Amino acid sequence: MAYDKKAGYDKVTRLPDLTFGGLTFYHVRAEDPETWIDDYGTVSDGQRVTILWQFKRELVDRKQTDELINQVMPTFEPSS
């Protein structure tokens, strides 16, 4: 997914890689006036794996999104 001003995103940040389920994921964080976005991705057994989180800014703040993501992402396990 392209995250840039042309696509309507005000802020895009490439965060440090993280490891979940023994796999290293990239992490891109973006936002537009209405949405918080966290995009994680990796390659497992030759297949691209993407986990995309999108939250409406009117419903949650960034701290709440981080709390949810930080609870769920560590439970990731690649399929066998």
N, C-alpha and C. Protein backbone atom coordinates (compact mmCIF):
# COMPACT_ATOMS: atom_id res chain seq x y z
N MET A 1 0.84 -1.17 0.00
CA MET A 1 0.00 0.00 0.00
C MET A 1 0.89 1.24 0.00
N ALA A 2 0.52 2.24 -0.77
CA ALA A 2 1.32 3.47 -0.84
C ALA A 2 0.80 4.48 0.18
N TYR A 3 1.70 4.92 1.03
CA TYR A 3 1.35 5.92 2.03
C TYR A 3 2.13 7.20 1.72
N ASP A 4 1.47 8.16 1.12
CA ASP A 4 2.11 9.43 0.83
C ASP A 4 1.06 10.52 0.76
N LYS A 5 1.49 11.76 0.64
CA LYS A 5 0.55 12.89 0.60
C LYS A 5 -0.39 12.78 -0.59
N LYS A 6 0.09 12.26 -1.71
CA LYS A 6 -0.75 12.12 -2.90
C LYS A 6 -1.92 11.17 -2.62
N ALA A 7 -1.69 10.19 -1.75
CA ALA A 7 -2.76 9.25 -1.39
C ALA A 7 -3.62 9.78 -0.24
N GLY A 8 -3.30 10.99 0.27
CA GLY A 8 -4.11 11.60 1.30
C GLY A 8 -3.60 11.44 2.72
N TYR A 9 -2.39 10.90 2.88
CA TYR A 9 -1.84 10.70 4.22
C TYR A 9 -1.00 11.88 4.64
N ASP A 10 -1.30 12.43 5.83
CA ASP A 10 -0.59 13.59 6.33
C ASP A 10 0.75 13.24 6.93
N LYS A 11 0.83 12.10 7.57
CA LYS A 11 2.04 11.72 8.28
C LYS A 11 2.29 10.23 8.06
N VAL A 12 3.51 9.89 7.66
CA VAL A 12 3.90 8.50 7.44
C VAL A 12 5.25 8.29 8.11
N THR A 13 5.35 7.22 8.93
CA THR A 13 6.59 6.93 9.63
C THR A 13 6.93 5.46 9.48
N ARG A 14 8.17 5.19 9.08
CA ARG A 14 8.67 3.81 9.04
C ARG A 14 9.30 3.55 10.39
N LEU A 15 8.67 2.68 11.18
CA LEU A 15 9.15 2.36 12.52
C LEU A 15 10.10 1.16 12.48
N PRO A 16 10.84 0.92 13.56
CA PRO A 16 11.76 -0.23 13.57
C PRO A 16 11.03 -1.56 13.37
N ASP A 17 11.76 -2.51 12.78
CA ASP A 17 11.23 -3.86 12.61
C ASP A 17 10.95 -4.48 13.97
N LEU A 18 9.97 -5.39 13.98
CA LEU A 18 9.59 -6.12 15.20
C LEU A 18 9.51 -7.60 14.88
N THR A 19 9.65 -8.44 15.89
CA THR A 19 9.55 -9.89 15.69
C THR A 19 8.32 -10.43 16.39
N PHE A 20 7.51 -11.16 15.63
CA PHE A 20 6.32 -11.83 16.16
C PHE A 20 6.31 -13.25 15.60
N GLY A 21 6.09 -14.23 16.45
CA GLY A 21 6.03 -15.61 15.99
C GLY A 21 7.31 -16.05 15.29
N GLY A 22 8.44 -15.47 15.67
CA GLY A 22 9.71 -15.84 15.07
C GLY A 22 9.99 -15.19 13.73
N LEU A 23 9.09 -14.31 13.25
CA LEU A 23 9.28 -13.64 11.96
C LEU A 23 9.50 -12.15 12.18
N THR A 24 10.36 -11.56 11.36
CA THR A 24 10.62 -10.13 11.44
C THR A 24 9.62 -9.39 10.55
N PHE A 25 8.91 -8.43 11.14
CA PHE A 25 7.91 -7.63 10.44
C PHE A 25 8.41 -6.20 10.26
N TYR A 26 8.12 -5.60 9.09
CA TYR A 26 8.27 -4.15 8.97
C TYR A 26 7.06 -3.52 9.65
N HIS A 27 7.14 -2.25 9.98
CA HIS A 27 6.03 -1.53 10.60
C HIS A 27 5.99 -0.12 10.05
N VAL A 28 4.90 0.20 9.36
CA VAL A 28 4.68 1.55 8.84
C VAL A 28 3.45 2.10 9.53
N ARG A 29 3.59 3.32 10.03
CA ARG A 29 2.47 3.99 10.70
C ARG A 29 2.11 5.22 9.87
N ALA A 30 0.82 5.38 9.61
CA ALA A 30 0.35 6.51 8.80
C ALA A 30 -0.92 7.06 9.43
N GLU A 31 -1.26 8.28 9.00
CA GLU A 31 -2.52 8.86 9.45
C GLU A 31 -3.02 9.83 8.40
N ASP A 32 -4.33 9.92 8.34
CA ASP A 32 -4.97 10.95 7.55
C ASP A 32 -5.94 11.66 8.51
N PRO A 33 -6.68 12.63 8.06
CA PRO A 33 -7.54 13.35 8.99
C PRO A 33 -8.58 12.48 9.72
N GLU A 34 -8.90 11.33 9.18
CA GLU A 34 -9.94 10.49 9.77
C GLU A 34 -9.46 9.17 10.35
N THR A 35 -8.25 8.72 10.01
CA THR A 35 -7.86 7.35 10.29
C THR A 35 -6.44 7.24 10.85
N TRP A 36 -6.28 6.37 11.84
CA TRP A 36 -4.96 5.92 12.31
C TRP A 36 -4.68 4.61 11.58
N ILE A 37 -3.48 4.40 11.07
CA ILE A 37 -3.14 3.18 10.33
C ILE A 37 -1.82 2.63 10.84
N ASP A 38 -1.79 1.32 11.07
CA ASP A 38 -0.55 0.60 11.37
C ASP A 38 -0.50 -0.59 10.43
N ASP A 39 0.54 -0.65 9.62
CA ASP A 39 0.70 -1.68 8.60
C ASP A 39 1.95 -2.50 8.96
N TYR A 40 1.76 -3.80 9.15
CA TYR A 40 2.85 -4.72 9.47
C TYR A 40 2.96 -5.72 8.32
N GLY A 41 4.17 -6.14 7.98
CA GLY A 41 4.32 -7.12 6.93
C GLY A 41 5.60 -7.91 7.05
N THR A 42 5.56 -9.12 6.49
CA THR A 42 6.70 -10.02 6.49
C THR A 42 6.53 -11.01 5.34
N VAL A 43 7.49 -11.91 5.21
CA VAL A 43 7.38 -13.02 4.26
C VAL A 43 7.56 -14.30 5.05
N SER A 44 6.63 -15.24 4.85
CA SER A 44 6.67 -16.54 5.53
C SER A 44 6.48 -17.64 4.51
N ASP A 45 7.44 -18.53 4.40
CA ASP A 45 7.39 -19.63 3.43
C ASP A 45 7.09 -19.12 2.02
N GLY A 46 7.72 -18.01 1.65
CA GLY A 46 7.55 -17.46 0.31
C GLY A 46 6.25 -16.71 0.09
N GLN A 47 5.44 -16.57 1.12
CA GLN A 47 4.17 -15.86 1.01
C GLN A 47 4.24 -14.54 1.77
N ARG A 48 3.72 -13.50 1.16
CA ARG A 48 3.67 -12.20 1.82
C ARG A 48 2.53 -12.21 2.85
N VAL A 49 2.83 -11.77 4.05
CA VAL A 49 1.85 -11.67 5.13
C VAL A 49 1.74 -10.20 5.50
N THR A 50 0.52 -9.67 5.45
CA THR A 50 0.28 -8.28 5.82
C THR A 50 -0.82 -8.21 6.86
N ILE A 51 -0.58 -7.44 7.90
CA ILE A 51 -1.58 -7.20 8.92
C ILE A 51 -1.80 -5.70 8.95
N LEU A 52 -3.01 -5.28 8.62
CA LEU A 52 -3.34 -3.86 8.51
C LEU A 52 -4.36 -3.49 9.57
N TRP A 53 -3.99 -2.54 10.40
CA TRP A 53 -4.88 -2.02 11.44
C TRP A 53 -5.33 -0.63 11.00
N GLN A 54 -6.66 -0.39 11.03
CA GLN A 54 -7.21 0.92 10.72
C GLN A 54 -8.23 1.28 11.79
N PHE A 55 -8.11 2.47 12.33
CA PHE A 55 -9.01 2.93 13.38
C PHE A 55 -9.53 4.33 13.04
N LYS A 56 -10.79 4.56 13.29
CA LYS A 56 -11.37 5.89 13.11
C LYS A 56 -10.90 6.79 14.25
N ARG A 57 -10.32 7.91 13.90
CA ARG A 57 -9.78 8.83 14.90
C ARG A 57 -10.86 9.39 15.81
N GLU A 58 -12.08 9.49 15.32
CA GLU A 58 -13.17 10.03 16.14
C GLU A 58 -13.59 9.06 17.25
N LEU A 59 -13.20 7.80 17.13
CA LEU A 59 -13.61 6.78 18.11
C LEU A 59 -12.52 6.43 19.12
N VAL A 60 -11.26 6.50 18.72
CA VAL A 60 -10.15 6.13 19.61
C VAL A 60 -8.99 7.08 19.40
N ASP A 61 -8.17 7.22 20.44
CA ASP A 61 -6.96 8.01 20.28
C ASP A 61 -5.78 7.07 20.02
N ARG A 62 -4.63 7.65 19.72
CA ARG A 62 -3.46 6.84 19.34
C ARG A 62 -3.03 5.93 20.49
N LYS A 63 -3.13 6.39 21.71
CA LYS A 63 -2.75 5.56 22.86
C LYS A 63 -3.63 4.29 22.91
N GLN A 64 -4.92 4.44 22.66
CA GLN A 64 -5.82 3.29 22.68
C GLN A 64 -5.49 2.31 21.55
N THR A 65 -5.16 2.82 20.38
CA THR A 65 -4.81 1.92 19.28
C THR A 65 -3.55 1.14 19.61
N ASP A 66 -2.56 1.84 20.20
CA ASP A 66 -1.31 1.18 20.57
C ASP A 66 -1.56 0.08 21.61
N GLU A 67 -2.42 0.35 22.57
CA GLU A 67 -2.71 -0.65 23.60
C GLU A 67 -3.31 -1.91 22.98
N LEU A 68 -4.25 -1.75 22.06
CA LEU A 68 -4.86 -2.91 21.42
C LEU A 68 -3.85 -3.67 20.56
N ILE A 69 -3.13 -2.95 19.72
CA ILE A 69 -2.15 -3.59 18.84
C ILE A 69 -1.09 -4.32 19.67
N ASN A 70 -0.62 -3.69 20.73
CA ASN A 70 0.42 -4.30 21.56
C ASN A 70 -0.07 -5.53 22.33
N GLN A 71 -1.36 -5.67 22.49
CA GLN A 71 -1.91 -6.88 23.10
C GLN A 71 -2.06 -8.01 22.08
N VAL A 72 -2.41 -7.67 20.85
CA VAL A 72 -2.75 -8.69 19.85
C VAL A 72 -1.54 -9.15 19.03
N MET A 73 -0.71 -8.23 18.57
CA MET A 73 0.38 -8.62 17.67
C MET A 73 1.31 -9.69 18.25
N PRO A 74 1.64 -9.65 19.54
CA PRO A 74 2.52 -10.70 20.07
C PRO A 74 1.91 -12.11 20.02
N THR A 75 0.62 -12.22 19.74
CA THR A 75 -0.02 -13.55 19.66
C THR A 75 0.10 -14.15 18.25
N PHE A 76 0.69 -13.41 17.30
CA PHE A 76 0.82 -13.90 15.94
C PHE A 76 1.67 -15.16 15.89
N GLU A 77 1.18 -16.15 15.17
CA GLU A 77 1.94 -17.37 14.89
C GLU A 77 1.76 -17.71 13.42
N PRO A 78 2.84 -17.96 12.72
CA PRO A 78 2.72 -18.33 11.30
C PRO A 78 1.99 -19.67 11.15
N SER A 79 1.25 -19.79 10.07
CA SER A 79 0.55 -21.06 9.84
C SER A 79 1.58 -22.12 9.44
N SER A 80 1.24 -23.36 9.73
CA SER A 80 2.19 -24.45 9.43
C SER A 80 1.83 -25.18 8.17
